[in-house]
Amino acid sequence: MDTTTPAPQVWPSLRARDARALIRFLTDAFGFQEVVAYGEGGTVAHAELAWPEGGGVMLGSDRPDPEGSDPWPGRPGGFTAYVVTADPDAVHARAVAAGARITTGLHETDYGSRDFAAADPEGNRWYFGTYRGAPRPAAG
């Protein structure tokens, strides 16, 4: 039996006015792990942050779109994500200790999850909880 977590195949992505500060916040307040951050000076061209329990996000500095391309649809501060954790109380305590703005306190949901929500300095909303999603249908 393979006990390793597979590499993520879906990467939520966001842009930030101050990507380096956002990376520091996400690692300090929530416990993401910086895997890579490419760029020079204050500009981050591409960064990957891993969630220790599986998955992760990509992010970069807000910047002009290349000539002739469609505009990036997500503006800084307009991102939301639900992050599964086995211990939302510990993530909540870490977030509070780091000064995160809690937008919804710890609570039990009607569907059996323990959740809370917080905003990062850019205004993005991060929801943390124990709900892992409904069982997947069998492949067929």
Protein backbone atom coordinates (compact mmCIF):
# COMPACT_ATOMS: atom_id res chain seq x y z
CA MET A 1 0.00 0.00 0.00
CA ASP A 2 1.36 3.43 -0.98
CA THR A 3 1.35 5.73 2.05
CA THR A 4 2.75 8.83 0.35
CA THR A 5 0.54 11.77 -0.48
CA PRO A 6 0.27 12.19 -4.25
CA ALA A 7 1.42 15.45 -5.76
CA PRO A 8 -1.44 17.94 -6.18
CA GLN A 9 -3.03 17.95 -9.59
CA VAL A 10 -5.21 21.04 -9.04
CA TRP A 11 -3.45 24.19 -7.90
CA PRO A 12 -5.56 27.13 -6.71
CA SER A 13 -3.65 30.26 -7.75
CA LEU A 14 -3.70 33.85 -6.61
CA ARG A 15 -1.88 37.12 -7.05
CA ALA A 16 -0.79 39.51 -4.33
CA ARG A 17 0.17 43.16 -4.06
CA ASP A 18 3.02 42.07 -1.75
CA ALA A 19 3.62 38.40 -2.53
CA ARG A 20 6.67 38.04 -0.28
CA ALA A 21 4.73 39.39 2.72
CA LEU A 22 1.80 37.11 1.90
CA ILE A 23 4.11 34.07 1.77
CA ARG A 24 5.49 34.99 5.20
CA PHE A 25 1.98 35.42 6.58
CA LEU A 26 0.66 32.12 5.17
CA THR A 27 3.63 30.21 6.58
CA ASP A 28 3.64 31.94 9.97
CA ALA A 29 -0.12 32.22 10.61
CA PHE A 30 -1.50 29.07 9.01
CA GLY A 31 1.44 26.68 8.66
CA PHE A 32 1.85 26.48 4.89
CA GLN A 33 5.38 25.49 3.83
CA GLU A 34 7.23 27.48 1.19
CA VAL A 35 8.47 25.07 -1.48
CA VAL A 36 9.77 27.52 -4.08
CA ALA A 37 9.61 31.24 -4.78
CA TYR A 38 11.09 32.51 -8.04
CA GLY A 39 11.64 36.18 -8.72
CA GLU A 40 13.89 39.11 -7.98
CA GLY A 41 13.62 41.86 -5.39
CA GLY A 42 10.07 42.36 -4.26
CA THR A 43 8.56 40.60 -7.28
CA VAL A 44 7.53 36.96 -7.11
CA ALA A 45 7.05 35.46 -10.57
CA HIS A 46 5.93 32.09 -9.18
CA ALA A 47 5.73 30.54 -5.72
CA GLU A 48 4.40 27.23 -4.44
CA LEU A 49 3.23 26.74 -0.88
CA ALA A 50 2.48 23.23 0.36
CA TRP A 51 -0.19 22.41 2.90
CA PRO A 52 1.38 19.84 5.29
CA GLU A 53 -1.72 17.63 5.14
CA GLY A 54 -1.72 17.55 1.31
CA GLY A 55 -2.18 19.95 -1.58
CA GLY A 56 -1.09 23.54 -1.81
CA VAL A 57 -1.45 26.86 -3.58
CA MET A 58 0.53 28.83 -6.14
CA LEU A 59 0.90 32.57 -6.02
CA GLY A 60 2.76 35.47 -7.53
CA SER A 61 2.99 39.22 -7.56
CA ASP A 62 0.23 41.19 -9.22
CA ARG A 63 1.58 42.48 -12.51
CA PRO A 64 0.40 43.67 -15.92
CA ASP A 65 -0.93 40.97 -18.19
CA PRO A 66 1.14 40.11 -21.28
CA GLU A 67 0.15 41.98 -24.42
CA GLY A 68 -2.69 40.22 -26.23
CA SER A 69 -3.63 37.91 -23.36
CA ASP A 70 -6.87 37.79 -21.44
CA PRO A 71 -6.65 39.66 -18.14
CA TRP A 72 -5.93 37.62 -15.01
CA PRO A 73 -9.43 37.05 -13.55
CA GLY A 74 -8.54 37.19 -9.87
CA ARG A 75 -7.49 40.50 -8.41
CA PRO A 76 -5.47 40.63 -5.18
CA GLY A 77 -7.70 40.10 -2.18
CA GLY A 78 -10.44 38.30 -4.11
CA PHE A 79 -9.35 34.70 -3.45
CA THR A 80 -11.06 32.15 -1.22
CA ALA A 81 -10.02 28.61 -0.33
CA TYR A 82 -11.22 25.82 1.94
CA VAL A 83 -8.29 24.00 3.53
CA VAL A 84 -8.82 20.62 5.15
CA THR A 85 -7.10 20.04 8.46
CA ALA A 86 -7.38 17.33 11.09
CA ASP A 87 -6.78 19.93 13.82
CA PRO A 88 -8.61 23.22 13.16
CA ASP A 89 -8.19 24.22 16.81
CA ALA A 90 -4.39 24.17 16.47
CA VAL A 91 -4.47 26.09 13.15
CA HIS A 92 -6.87 28.61 14.74
CA ALA A 93 -4.57 29.08 17.75
CA ARG A 94 -1.58 29.56 15.44
CA ALA A 95 -3.50 32.09 13.32
CA VAL A 96 -4.61 34.07 16.37
CA ALA A 97 -1.07 34.08 17.80
CA ALA A 98 0.24 35.42 14.47
CA GLY A 99 -2.33 38.24 14.45
CA ALA A 100 -4.62 36.90 11.72
CA ARG A 101 -8.05 38.51 11.52
CA ILE A 102 -10.55 35.76 12.33
CA THR A 103 -13.70 36.36 10.30
CA THR A 104 -15.68 33.36 11.60
CA GLY A 105 -14.80 31.75 14.90
CA LEU A 106 -14.45 28.04 15.54
CA HIS A 107 -17.77 26.30 15.22
CA GLU A 108 -19.44 22.97 14.42
CA THR A 109 -21.27 22.84 11.09
CA ASP A 110 -24.54 21.08 10.28
CA TYR A 111 -22.59 18.60 8.15
CA GLY A 112 -20.21 17.49 10.90
CA SER A 113 -17.17 19.68 10.30
CA ARG A 114 -15.32 21.90 12.76
CA ASP A 115 -14.47 25.13 10.92
CA PHE A 116 -13.20 28.68 11.20
CA ALA A 117 -12.31 31.41 8.73
CA ALA A 118 -9.63 34.09 8.59
CA ALA A 119 -8.53 36.88 6.27
CA ASP A 120 -4.95 37.41 5.20
CA PRO A 121 -3.41 40.92 4.92
CA GLU A 122 -4.37 41.08 1.22
CA GLY A 123 -8.05 40.43 2.07
CA ASN A 124 -8.22 36.83 0.80
CA ARG A 125 -10.46 34.51 2.83
CA TRP A 126 -9.18 31.19 4.13
CA TYR A 127 -11.59 28.62 5.53
CA PHE A 128 -10.18 25.76 7.58
CA GLY A 129 -12.05 22.69 8.71
CA THR A 130 -12.29 18.96 9.07
CA TYR A 131 -14.71 18.35 6.17
CA ARG A 132 -12.87 16.24 3.58
CA GLY A 133 -15.64 16.21 0.99
CA ALA A 134 -18.24 13.63 0.14
CA PRO A 135 -17.11 10.13 -0.86
CA ARG A 136 -16.08 9.90 -4.52
CA PRO A 137 -18.03 7.68 -6.90
CA ALA A 138 -16.25 4.53 -8.00
CA ALA A 139 -14.30 4.82 -11.23
CA GLY A 140 -16.05 3.17 -14.04
